[in-house]
Amino acid sequence: SATAPACRWRPPSTPTSTAGPSTGPPSRSTTFSAHADADQIIDWLRA
């Protein structure tokens, strides 16, 4: 709140990789991606 100047809330950060571009095969992730196709979006919304 405005009366709690020590408040340190911040949204959770998203881990990022510093390893550079991947040259291996694609892998599955359980995190949200903005690059979903329509079927994936419908499945995600259905839940």
All heavy atoms as atom14 arrays in JSON, in Angstrom:
{
  "sequence": "SATAPACRWRPPSTPTSTAGPSTGPPSRSTTFSAHADADQIIDWLRA",
  "atom14_mask": [
    [1, 1, 1, 1, 1, 1, 0, 0, 0, 0, 0, 0, 0, 0],
    [1, 1, 1, 1, 1, 0, 0, 0, 0, 0, 0, 0, 0, 0],
    [1, 1, 1, 1, 1, 1, 1, 0, 0, 0, 0, 0, 0, 0],
    [1, 1, 1, 1, 1, 0, 0, 0, 0, 0, 0, 0, 0, 0],
    [1, 1, 1, 1, 1, 1, 1, 0, 0, 0, 0, 0, 0, 0],
    [1, 1, 1, 1, 1, 0, 0, 0, 0, 0, 0, 0, 0, 0],
    [1, 1, 1, 1, 1, 1, 0, 0, 0, 0, 0, 0, 0, 0],
    [1, 1, 1, 1, 1, 1, 1, 1, 1, 1, 1, 0, 0, 0],
    [1, 1, 1, 1, 1, 1, 1, 1, 1, 1, 1, 1, 1, 1],
    [1, 1, 1, 1, 1, 1, 1, 1, 1, 1, 1, 0, 0, 0],
    [1, 1, 1, 1, 1, 1, 1, 0, 0, 0, 0, 0, 0, 0],
    [1, 1, 1, 1, 1, 1, 1, 0, 0, 0, 0, 0, 0, 0],
    [1, 1, 1, 1, 1, 1, 0, 0, 0, 0, 0, 0, 0, 0],
    [1, 1, 1, 1, 1, 1, 1, 0, 0, 0, 0, 0, 0, 0],
    [1, 1, 1, 1, 1, 1, 1, 0, 0, 0, 0, 0, 0, 0],
    [1, 1, 1, 1, 1, 1, 1, 0, 0, 0, 0, 0, 0, 0],
    [1, 1, 1, 1, 1, 1, 0, 0, 0, 0, 0, 0, 0, 0],
    [1, 1, 1, 1, 1, 1, 1, 0, 0, 0, 0, 0, 0, 0],
    [1, 1, 1, 1, 1, 0, 0, 0, 0, 0, 0, 0, 0, 0],
    [1, 1, 1, 1, 0, 0, 0, 0, 0, 0, 0, 0, 0, 0],
    [1, 1, 1, 1, 1, 1, 1, 0, 0, 0, 0, 0, 0, 0],
    [1, 1, 1, 1, 1, 1, 0, 0, 0, 0, 0, 0, 0, 0],
    [1, 1, 1, 1, 1, 1, 1, 0, 0, 0, 0, 0, 0, 0],
    [1, 1, 1, 1, 0, 0, 0, 0, 0, 0, 0, 0, 0, 0],
    [1, 1, 1, 1, 1, 1, 1, 0, 0, 0, 0, 0, 0, 0],
    [1, 1, 1, 1, 1, 1, 1, 0, 0, 0, 0, 0, 0, 0],
    [1, 1, 1, 1, 1, 1, 0, 0, 0, 0, 0, 0, 0, 0],
    [1, 1, 1, 1, 1, 1, 1, 1, 1, 1, 1, 0, 0, 0],
    [1, 1, 1, 1, 1, 1, 0, 0, 0, 0, 0, 0, 0, 0],
    [1, 1, 1, 1, 1, 1, 1, 0, 0, 0, 0, 0, 0, 0],
    [1, 1, 1, 1, 1, 1, 1, 0, 0, 0, 0, 0, 0, 0],
    [1, 1, 1, 1, 1, 1, 1, 1, 1, 1, 1, 0, 0, 0],
    [1, 1, 1, 1, 1, 1, 0, 0, 0, 0, 0, 0, 0, 0],
    [1, 1, 1, 1, 1, 0, 0, 0, 0, 0, 0, 0, 0, 0],
    [1, 1, 1, 1, 1, 1, 1, 1, 1, 1, 0, 0, 0, 0],
    [1, 1, 1, 1, 1, 0, 0, 0, 0, 0, 0, 0, 0, 0],
    [1, 1, 1, 1, 1, 1, 1, 1, 0, 0, 0, 0, 0, 0],
    [1, 1, 1, 1, 1, 0, 0, 0, 0, 0, 0, 0, 0, 0],
    [1, 1, 1, 1, 1, 1, 1, 1, 0, 0, 0, 0, 0, 0],
    [1, 1, 1, 1, 1, 1, 1, 1, 1, 0, 0, 0, 0, 0],
    [1, 1, 1, 1, 1, 1, 1, 1, 0, 0, 0, 0, 0, 0],
    [1, 1, 1, 1, 1, 1, 1, 1, 0, 0, 0, 0, 0, 0],
    [1, 1, 1, 1, 1, 1, 1, 1, 0, 0, 0, 0, 0, 0],
    [1, 1, 1, 1, 1, 1, 1, 1, 1, 1, 1, 1, 1, 1],
    [1, 1, 1, 1, 1, 1, 1, 1, 0, 0, 0, 0, 0, 0],
    [1, 1, 1, 1, 1, 1, 1, 1, 1, 1, 1, 0, 0, 0],
    [1, 1, 1, 1, 1, 0, 0, 0, 0, 0, 0, 0, 0, 0]
  ],
  "atom14_positions": [
    [[0.85, -1.19, 0.0], [0.0, 0.0, 0.0], [0.88, 1.23, 0.0], [2.09, 1.14, 0.19], [-0.92, 0.01, 1.23], [-0.16, 0.27, 2.39], [0.0, 0.0, 0.0], [0.0, 0.0, 0.0], [0.0, 0.0, 0.0], [0.0, 0.0, 0.0], [0.0, 0.0, 0.0], [0.0, 0.0, 0.0], [0.0, 0.0, 0.0], [0.0, 0.0, 0.0]],
    [[0.26, 2.36, -0.18], [1.01, 3.63, -0.18], [1.64, 3.9, 1.18], [2.6, 4.63, 1.28], [0.09, 4.78, -0.57], [0.0, 0.0, 0.0], [0.0, 0.0, 0.0], [0.0, 0.0, 0.0], [0.0, 0.0, 0.0], [0.0, 0.0, 0.0], [0.0, 0.0, 0.0], [0.0, 0.0, 0.0], [0.0, 0.0, 0.0], [0.0, 0.0, 0.0]],
    [[1.09, 3.3, 2.24], [1.63, 3.52, 3.58], [2.7, 2.51, 3.94], [3.2, 2.51, 5.03], [0.5, 3.47, 4.63], [-0.11, 2.17, 4.57], [-0.53, 4.55, 4.38], [0.0, 0.0, 0.0], [0.0, 0.0, 0.0], [0.0, 0.0, 0.0], [0.0, 0.0, 0.0], [0.0, 0.0, 0.0], [0.0, 0.0, 0.0], [0.0, 0.0, 0.0]],
    [[3.04, 1.63, 3.01], [4.07, 0.62, 3.26], [5.25, 0.86, 2.31], [5.4, 0.17, 1.32], [3.5, -0.79, 3.06], [0.0, 0.0, 0.0], [0.0, 0.0, 0.0], [0.0, 0.0, 0.0], [0.0, 0.0, 0.0], [0.0, 0.0, 0.0], [0.0, 0.0, 0.0], [0.0, 0.0, 0.0], [0.0, 0.0, 0.0], [0.0, 0.0, 0.0]],
    [[6.08, 1.87, 2.63], [7.16, 2.21, 1.71], [8.18, 1.09, 1.54], [8.91, 1.05, 0.57], [7.81, 3.44, 2.35], [7.41, 3.39, 3.77], [6.08, 2.69, 3.82], [0.0, 0.0, 0.0], [0.0, 0.0, 0.0], [0.0, 0.0, 0.0], [0.0, 0.0, 0.0], [0.0, 0.0, 0.0], [0.0, 0.0, 0.0], [0.0, 0.0, 0.0]],
    [[8.23, 0.15, 2.47], [9.19, -0.94, 2.36], [8.67, -2.08, 1.48], [9.34, -3.09, 1.32], [9.52, -1.47, 3.75], [0.0, 0.0, 0.0], [0.0, 0.0, 0.0], [0.0, 0.0, 0.0], [0.0, 0.0, 0.0], [0.0, 0.0, 0.0], [0.0, 0.0, 0.0], [0.0, 0.0, 0.0], [0.0, 0.0, 0.0], [0.0, 0.0, 0.0]],
    [[7.49, -1.91, 0.94], [6.91, -2.96, 0.11], [7.84, -3.23, -1.07], [8.24, -2.33, -1.79], [5.54, -2.53, -0.4], [4.8, -3.73, -1.49], [0.0, 0.0, 0.0], [0.0, 0.0, 0.0], [0.0, 0.0, 0.0], [0.0, 0.0, 0.0], [0.0, 0.0, 0.0], [0.0, 0.0, 0.0], [0.0, 0.0, 0.0], [0.0, 0.0, 0.0]],
    [[8.18, -4.48, -1.25], [9.09, -4.85, -2.33], [8.42, -5.79, -3.32], [9.08, -6.55, -4.0], [10.33, -5.52, -1.76], [11.11, -4.6, -0.86], [12.35, -5.27, -0.36], [12.06, -6.65, 0.0], [12.99, -7.55, 0.25], [14.24, -7.24, 0.18], [12.67, -8.78, 0.57], [0.0, 0.0, 0.0], [0.0, 0.0, 0.0], [0.0, 0.0, 0.0]],
    [[7.12, -5.76, -3.4], [6.45, -6.68, -4.32], [6.84, -6.38, -5.74], [6.99, -5.25, -6.16], [4.93, -6.6, -4.18], [4.27, -7.55, -5.12], [4.05, -8.86, -4.89], [3.81, -7.28, -6.44], [3.47, -9.44, -5.98], [3.3, -8.5, -6.95], [3.76, -6.17, -7.24], [2.76, -8.6, -8.22], [3.23, -6.28, -8.51], [2.73, -7.49, -8.97]],
    [[7.05, -7.41, -6.49], [7.3, -7.31, -7.91], [6.79, -8.6, -8.54], [6.79, -9.64, -7.9], [8.77, -7.09, -8.21], [9.65, -8.22, -7.74], [11.1, -7.76, -7.67], [11.94, -8.79, -7.12], [12.02, -9.13, -5.83], [11.28, -8.51, -4.95], [12.82, -10.08, -5.43], [0.0, 0.0, 0.0], [0.0, 0.0, 0.0], [0.0, 0.0, 0.0]],
    [[6.37, -8.54, -9.8], [5.91, -9.76, -10.43], [7.04, -10.78, -10.48], [8.2, -10.39, -10.53], [5.51, -9.33, -11.84], [5.54, -7.86, -11.85], [6.3, -7.39, -10.66], [0.0, 0.0, 0.0], [0.0, 0.0, 0.0], [0.0, 0.0, 0.0], [0.0, 0.0, 0.0], [0.0, 0.0, 0.0], [0.0, 0.0, 0.0], [0.0, 0.0, 0.0]],
    [[6.72, -12.07, -10.44], [7.78, -13.07, -10.54], [8.53, -12.91, -11.85], [7.94, -12.62, -12.88], [7.03, -14.4, -10.51], [5.62, -14.1, -10.18], [5.4, -12.64, -10.34], [0.0, 0.0, 0.0], [0.0, 0.0, 0.0], [0.0, 0.0, 0.0], [0.0, 0.0, 0.0], [0.0, 0.0, 0.0], [0.0, 0.0, 0.0], [0.0, 0.0, 0.0]],
    [[9.83, -13.07, -11.8], [10.61, -12.93, -13.02], [10.58, -14.24, -13.8], [10.37, -15.31, -13.25], [12.04, -12.56, -12.68], [12.64, -13.59, -11.92], [0.0, 0.0, 0.0], [0.0, 0.0, 0.0], [0.0, 0.0, 0.0], [0.0, 0.0, 0.0], [0.0, 0.0, 0.0], [0.0, 0.0, 0.0], [0.0, 0.0, 0.0], [0.0, 0.0, 0.0]],
    [[10.78, -14.12, -15.08], [10.83, -15.28, -15.95], [12.29, -15.65, -16.15], [13.09, -14.8, -16.53], [10.19, -14.96, -17.3], [8.86, -14.53, -17.07], [10.19, -16.16, -18.22], [0.0, 0.0, 0.0], [0.0, 0.0, 0.0], [0.0, 0.0, 0.0], [0.0, 0.0, 0.0], [0.0, 0.0, 0.0], [0.0, 0.0, 0.0], [0.0, 0.0, 0.0]],
    [[12.65, -16.9, -15.87], [14.06, -17.28, -16.08], [14.45, -17.11, -17.54], [13.66, -17.37, -18.44], [14.1, -18.76, -15.7], [12.81, -19.06, -15.03], [11.85, -17.98, -15.41], [0.0, 0.0, 0.0], [0.0, 0.0, 0.0], [0.0, 0.0, 0.0], [0.0, 0.0, 0.0], [0.0, 0.0, 0.0], [0.0, 0.0, 0.0], [0.0, 0.0, 0.0]],
    [[15.65, -16.64, -17.76], [16.15, -16.5, -19.13], [17.43, -17.29, -19.26], [18.14, -17.51, -18.29], [16.4, -15.03, -19.49], [17.34, -14.51, -18.54], [15.14, -14.22, -19.46], [0.0, 0.0, 0.0], [0.0, 0.0, 0.0], [0.0, 0.0, 0.0], [0.0, 0.0, 0.0], [0.0, 0.0, 0.0], [0.0, 0.0, 0.0], [0.0, 0.0, 0.0]],
    [[17.74, -17.68, -20.46], [18.96, -18.44, -20.71], [20.04, -17.5, -21.21], [19.78, -16.6, -22.0], [18.68, -19.51, -21.76], [19.88, -20.11, -22.17], [0.0, 0.0, 0.0], [0.0, 0.0, 0.0], [0.0, 0.0, 0.0], [0.0, 0.0, 0.0], [0.0, 0.0, 0.0], [0.0, 0.0, 0.0], [0.0, 0.0, 0.0], [0.0, 0.0, 0.0]],
    [[21.27, -17.72, -20.77], [22.39, -16.95, -21.27], [23.3, -17.83, -22.12], [24.39, -17.46, -22.46], [23.2, -16.34, -20.11], [23.62, -17.42, -19.26], [22.37, -15.35, -19.33], [0.0, 0.0, 0.0], [0.0, 0.0, 0.0], [0.0, 0.0, 0.0], [0.0, 0.0, 0.0], [0.0, 0.0, 0.0], [0.0, 0.0, 0.0], [0.0, 0.0, 0.0]],
    [[22.82, -19.04, -22.43], [23.64, -20.0, -23.16], [23.69, -19.72, -24.66], [24.46, -20.33, -25.36], [23.12, -21.41, -22.92], [0.0, 0.0, 0.0], [0.0, 0.0, 0.0], [0.0, 0.0, 0.0], [0.0, 0.0, 0.0], [0.0, 0.0, 0.0], [0.0, 0.0, 0.0], [0.0, 0.0, 0.0], [0.0, 0.0, 0.0], [0.0, 0.0, 0.0]],
    [[22.88, -18.81, -25.16], [22.87, -18.52, -26.58], [21.84, -19.36, -27.3], [21.09, -20.11, -26.68], [0.0, 0.0, 0.0], [0.0, 0.0, 0.0], [0.0, 0.0, 0.0], [0.0, 0.0, 0.0], [0.0, 0.0, 0.0], [0.0, 0.0, 0.0], [0.0, 0.0, 0.0], [0.0, 0.0, 0.0], [0.0, 0.0, 0.0], [0.0, 0.0, 0.0]],
    [[21.78, -19.25, -28.62], [20.77, -19.98, -29.38], [20.97, -21.49, -29.28], [22.08, -21.98, -29.21], [20.96, -19.49, -30.82], [22.22, -18.73, -30.84], [22.63, -18.44, -29.44], [0.0, 0.0, 0.0], [0.0, 0.0, 0.0], [0.0, 0.0, 0.0], [0.0, 0.0, 0.0], [0.0, 0.0, 0.0], [0.0, 0.0, 0.0], [0.0, 0.0, 0.0]],
    [[19.85, -22.2, -29.28], [19.89, -23.65, -29.19], [20.12, -24.25, -30.57], [19.58, -23.8, -31.56], [18.55, -24.15, -28.64], [18.5, -25.55, -28.72], [0.0, 0.0, 0.0], [0.0, 0.0, 0.0], [0.0, 0.0, 0.0], [0.0, 0.0, 0.0], [0.0, 0.0, 0.0], [0.0, 0.0, 0.0], [0.0, 0.0, 0.0], [0.0, 0.0, 0.0]],
    [[20.95, -25.27, -30.6], [21.17, -25.98, -31.86], [20.6, -27.39, -31.79], [20.69, -28.14, -32.74], [22.67, -26.05, -32.2], [23.34, -26.7, -31.11], [23.24, -24.67, -32.44], [0.0, 0.0, 0.0], [0.0, 0.0, 0.0], [0.0, 0.0, 0.0], [0.0, 0.0, 0.0], [0.0, 0.0, 0.0], [0.0, 0.0, 0.0], [0.0, 0.0, 0.0]],
    [[20.03, -27.75, -30.65], [19.47, -29.08, -30.47], [18.03, -29.16, -30.92], [17.46, -28.19, -31.43], [0.0, 0.0, 0.0], [0.0, 0.0, 0.0], [0.0, 0.0, 0.0], [0.0, 0.0, 0.0], [0.0, 0.0, 0.0], [0.0, 0.0, 0.0], [0.0, 0.0, 0.0], [0.0, 0.0, 0.0], [0.0, 0.0, 0.0], [0.0, 0.0, 0.0]],
    [[17.42, -30.34, -30.74], [16.02, -30.5, -31.14], [15.1, -29.7, -30.24], [15.47, -29.36, -29.11], [15.79, -32.01, -30.97], [16.79, -32.43, -29.95], [17.98, -31.53, -30.15], [0.0, 0.0, 0.0], [0.0, 0.0, 0.0], [0.0, 0.0, 0.0], [0.0, 0.0, 0.0], [0.0, 0.0, 0.0], [0.0, 0.0, 0.0], [0.0, 0.0, 0.0]],
    [[13.89, -29.36, -30.71], [12.94, -28.63, -29.87], [12.57, -29.46, -28.65], [12.6, -30.69, -28.68], [11.74, -28.4, -30.78], [11.96, -29.22, -31.99], [13.38, -29.67, -32.01], [0.0, 0.0, 0.0], [0.0, 0.0, 0.0], [0.0, 0.0, 0.0], [0.0, 0.0, 0.0], [0.0, 0.0, 0.0], [0.0, 0.0, 0.0], [0.0, 0.0, 0.0]],
    [[12.21, -28.79, -27.58], [11.79, -29.5, -26.37], [10.46, -28.95, -25.9], [10.06, -27.86, -26.25], [12.84, -29.34, -25.27], [12.97, -27.97, -24.93], [0.0, 0.0, 0.0], [0.0, 0.0, 0.0], [0.0, 0.0, 0.0], [0.0, 0.0, 0.0], [0.0, 0.0, 0.0], [0.0, 0.0, 0.0], [0.0, 0.0, 0.0], [0.0, 0.0, 0.0]],
    [[9.75, -29.73, -25.08], [8.47, -29.32, -24.52], [8.71, -28.5, -23.27], [9.63, -28.77, -22.52], [7.63, -30.54, -24.17], [7.06, -31.22, -25.37], [6.05, -32.24, -24.91], [4.71, -31.73, -25.0], [3.93, -31.85, -26.05], [4.38, -32.43, -27.12], [2.71, -31.39, -26.05], [0.0, 0.0, 0.0], [0.0, 0.0, 0.0], [0.0, 0.0, 0.0]],
    [[7.85, -27.53, -23.05], [7.93, -26.69, -21.87], [6.55, -26.58, -21.26], [5.55, -26.57, -21.97], [8.44, -25.29, -22.25], [8.36, -24.43, -21.15], [0.0, 0.0, 0.0], [0.0, 0.0, 0.0], [0.0, 0.0, 0.0], [0.0, 0.0, 0.0], [0.0, 0.0, 0.0], [0.0, 0.0, 0.0], [0.0, 0.0, 0.0], [0.0, 0.0, 0.0]],
    [[6.48, -26.5, -19.94], [5.18, -26.34, -19.28], [4.86, -24.87, -19.05], [3.87, -24.55, -18.43], [5.15, -27.08, -17.93], [6.21, -26.57, -17.12], [5.33, -28.57, -18.13], [0.0, 0.0, 0.0], [0.0, 0.0, 0.0], [0.0, 0.0, 0.0], [0.0, 0.0, 0.0], [0.0, 0.0, 0.0], [0.0, 0.0, 0.0], [0.0, 0.0, 0.0]],
    [[5.7, -23.97, -19.54], [5.45, -22.54, -19.37], [4.62, -22.02, -20.53], [4.54, -22.62, -21.58], [6.77, -21.76, -19.29], [7.5, -21.98, -20.5], [7.59, -22.19, -18.1], [0.0, 0.0, 0.0], [0.0, 0.0, 0.0], [0.0, 0.0, 0.0], [0.0, 0.0, 0.0], [0.0, 0.0, 0.0], [0.0, 0.0, 0.0], [0.0, 0.0, 0.0]],
    [[4.0, -20.86, -20.33], [3.17, -20.24, -21.36], [4.04, -19.62, -22.43], [5.04, -18.99, -22.15], [2.28, -19.17, -20.72], [1.43, -18.46, -21.72], [0.31, -19.07, -22.25], [1.75, -17.19, -22.15], [-0.47, -18.42, -23.18], [0.97, -16.53, -23.08], [-0.14, -17.15, -23.59], [0.0, 0.0, 0.0], [0.0, 0.0, 0.0], [0.0, 0.0, 0.0]],
    [[3.68, -19.81, -23.66], [4.38, -19.2, -24.77], [3.38, -18.43, -25.62], [2.27, -18.89, -25.85], [5.05, -20.27, -25.64], [5.5, -19.7, -26.84], [0.0, 0.0, 0.0], [0.0, 0.0, 0.0], [0.0, 0.0, 0.0], [0.0, 0.0, 0.0], [0.0, 0.0, 0.0], [0.0, 0.0, 0.0], [0.0, 0.0, 0.0], [0.0, 0.0, 0.0]],
    [[3.78, -17.27, -26.09], [2.91, -16.49, -26.96], [2.86, -17.09, -28.36], [2.13, -16.61, -29.21], [3.41, -15.06, -27.03], [0.0, 0.0, 0.0], [0.0, 0.0, 0.0], [0.0, 0.0, 0.0], [0.0, 0.0, 0.0], [0.0, 0.0, 0.0], [0.0, 0.0, 0.0], [0.0, 0.0, 0.0], [0.0, 0.0, 0.0], [0.0, 0.0, 0.0]],
    [[3.62, -18.14, -28.61], [3.68, -18.76, -29.93], [2.91, -20.08, -29.95], [3.44, -21.1, -30.36], [5.13, -18.95, -30.35], [5.86, -17.67, -30.43], [5.74, -16.81, -31.5], [6.68, -17.06, -29.56], [6.48, -15.74, -31.28], [7.05, -15.86, -30.12], [0.0, 0.0, 0.0], [0.0, 0.0, 0.0], [0.0, 0.0, 0.0], [0.0, 0.0, 0.0]],
    [[1.67, -20.04, -29.53], [0.83, -21.23, -29.56], [-0.05, -21.18, -30.8], [-0.41, -20.11, -31.28], [-0.04, -21.28, -28.31], [0.0, 0.0, 0.0], [0.0, 0.0, 0.0], [0.0, 0.0, 0.0], [0.0, 0.0, 0.0], [0.0, 0.0, 0.0], [0.0, 0.0, 0.0], [0.0, 0.0, 0.0], [0.0, 0.0, 0.0], [0.0, 0.0, 0.0]],
    [[-0.42, -22.36, -31.3], [-1.36, -22.37, -32.41], [-2.78, -22.34, -31.85], [-2.99, -22.4, -30.63], [-1.11, -23.54, -33.35], [-1.38, -24.9, -32.74], [-2.09, -24.99, -31.72], [-0.89, -25.9, -33.29], [0.0, 0.0, 0.0], [0.0, 0.0, 0.0], [0.0, 0.0, 0.0], [0.0, 0.0, 0.0], [0.0, 0.0, 0.0], [0.0, 0.0, 0.0]],
    [[-3.75, -22.21, -32.72], [-5.14, -22.06, -32.28], [-5.61, -23.24, -31.43], [-6.31, -23.05, -30.43], [-6.06, -21.87, -33.48], [0.0, 0.0, 0.0], [0.0, 0.0, 0.0], [0.0, 0.0, 0.0], [0.0, 0.0, 0.0], [0.0, 0.0, 0.0], [0.0, 0.0, 0.0], [0.0, 0.0, 0.0], [0.0, 0.0, 0.0], [0.0, 0.0, 0.0]],
    [[-5.23, -24.47, -31.8], [-5.63, -25.64, -31.01], [-5.07, -25.57, -29.6], [-5.76, -25.88, -28.62], [-5.17, -26.94, -31.68], [-5.93, -27.26, -32.96], [-7.07, -26.77, -33.11], [-5.37, -27.99, -33.8], [0.0, 0.0, 0.0], [0.0, 0.0, 0.0], [0.0, 0.0, 0.0], [0.0, 0.0, 0.0], [0.0, 0.0, 0.0], [0.0, 0.0, 0.0]],
    [[-3.81, -25.16, -29.46], [-3.19, -25.04, -28.14], [-3.87, -23.95, -27.32], [-4.06, -24.09, -26.11], [-1.7, -24.76, -28.28], [-0.93, -25.94, -28.85], [0.5, -25.56, -29.2], [0.75, -24.5, -29.79], [1.44, -26.41, -28.84], [0.0, 0.0, 0.0], [0.0, 0.0, 0.0], [0.0, 0.0, 0.0], [0.0, 0.0, 0.0], [0.0, 0.0, 0.0]],
    [[-4.21, -22.84, -27.96], [-4.88, -21.75, -27.24], [-6.25, -22.22, -26.75], [-6.62, -21.98, -25.6], [-5.0, -20.5, -28.14], [-3.6, -19.92, -28.39], [-5.92, -19.46, -27.51], [-3.55, -18.83, -29.44], [0.0, 0.0, 0.0], [0.0, 0.0, 0.0], [0.0, 0.0, 0.0], [0.0, 0.0, 0.0], [0.0, 0.0, 0.0], [0.0, 0.0, 0.0]],
    [[-7.01, -22.91, -27.61], [-8.33, -23.42, -27.21], [-8.18, -24.38, -26.03], [-8.93, -24.31, -25.05], [-9.06, -24.09, -28.39], [-9.41, -23.06, -29.47], [-10.29, -24.86, -27.94], [-10.5, -22.09, -29.1], [0.0, 0.0, 0.0], [0.0, 0.0, 0.0], [0.0, 0.0, 0.0], [0.0, 0.0, 0.0], [0.0, 0.0, 0.0], [0.0, 0.0, 0.0]],
    [[-7.21, -25.3, -26.09], [-6.99, -26.24, -24.99], [-6.63, -25.51, -23.71], [-7.1, -25.86, -22.62], [-5.88, -27.24, -25.34], [-6.31, -28.25, -26.38], [-7.53, -28.4, -26.61], [-5.41, -28.89, -26.98], [0.0, 0.0, 0.0], [0.0, 0.0, 0.0], [0.0, 0.0, 0.0], [0.0, 0.0, 0.0], [0.0, 0.0, 0.0], [0.0, 0.0, 0.0]],
    [[-5.79, -24.48, -23.81], [-5.39, -23.71, -22.63], [-6.59, -22.97, -22.04], [-6.8, -22.97, -20.83], [-4.27, -22.73, -23.04], [-3.72, -21.93, -21.92], [-2.89, -22.36, -20.92], [-3.92, -20.53, -21.67], [-2.58, -21.32, -20.08], [-3.2, -20.19, -20.52], [-4.65, -19.55, -22.34], [-3.19, -18.9, -20.01], [-4.63, -18.26, -21.83], [-3.9, -17.96, -20.68]],
    [[-7.41, -22.37, -22.9], [-8.6, -21.66, -22.43], [-9.61, -22.62, -21.8], [-10.26, -22.3, -20.81], [-9.27, -20.9, -23.58], [-8.51, -19.7, -24.13], [-9.2, -19.18, -25.38], [-8.38, -18.61, -23.08], [0.0, 0.0, 0.0], [0.0, 0.0, 0.0], [0.0, 0.0, 0.0], [0.0, 0.0, 0.0], [0.0, 0.0, 0.0], [0.0, 0.0, 0.0]],
    [[-9.75, -23.81, -22.37], [-10.71, -24.8, -21.89], [-10.46, -25.13, -20.4], [-11.4, -25.43, -19.66], [-10.61, -26.07, -22.74], [-11.74, -27.04, -22.57], [-11.59, -28.27, -23.45], [-11.21, -28.05, -24.85], [-12.06, -27.73, -25.82], [-13.34, -27.61, -25.57], [-11.63, -27.56, -27.05], [0.0, 0.0, 0.0], [0.0, 0.0, 0.0], [0.0, 0.0, 0.0]],
    [[-9.22, -25.05, -19.96], [-8.87, -25.36, -18.58], [-9.19, -24.21, -17.62], [-9.12, -24.38, -16.41], [-7.38, -25.7, -18.49], [0.0, 0.0, 0.0], [0.0, 0.0, 0.0], [0.0, 0.0, 0.0], [0.0, 0.0, 0.0], [0.0, 0.0, 0.0], [0.0, 0.0, 0.0], [0.0, 0.0, 0.0], [0.0, 0.0, 0.0], [0.0, 0.0, 0.0]]
  ]
}
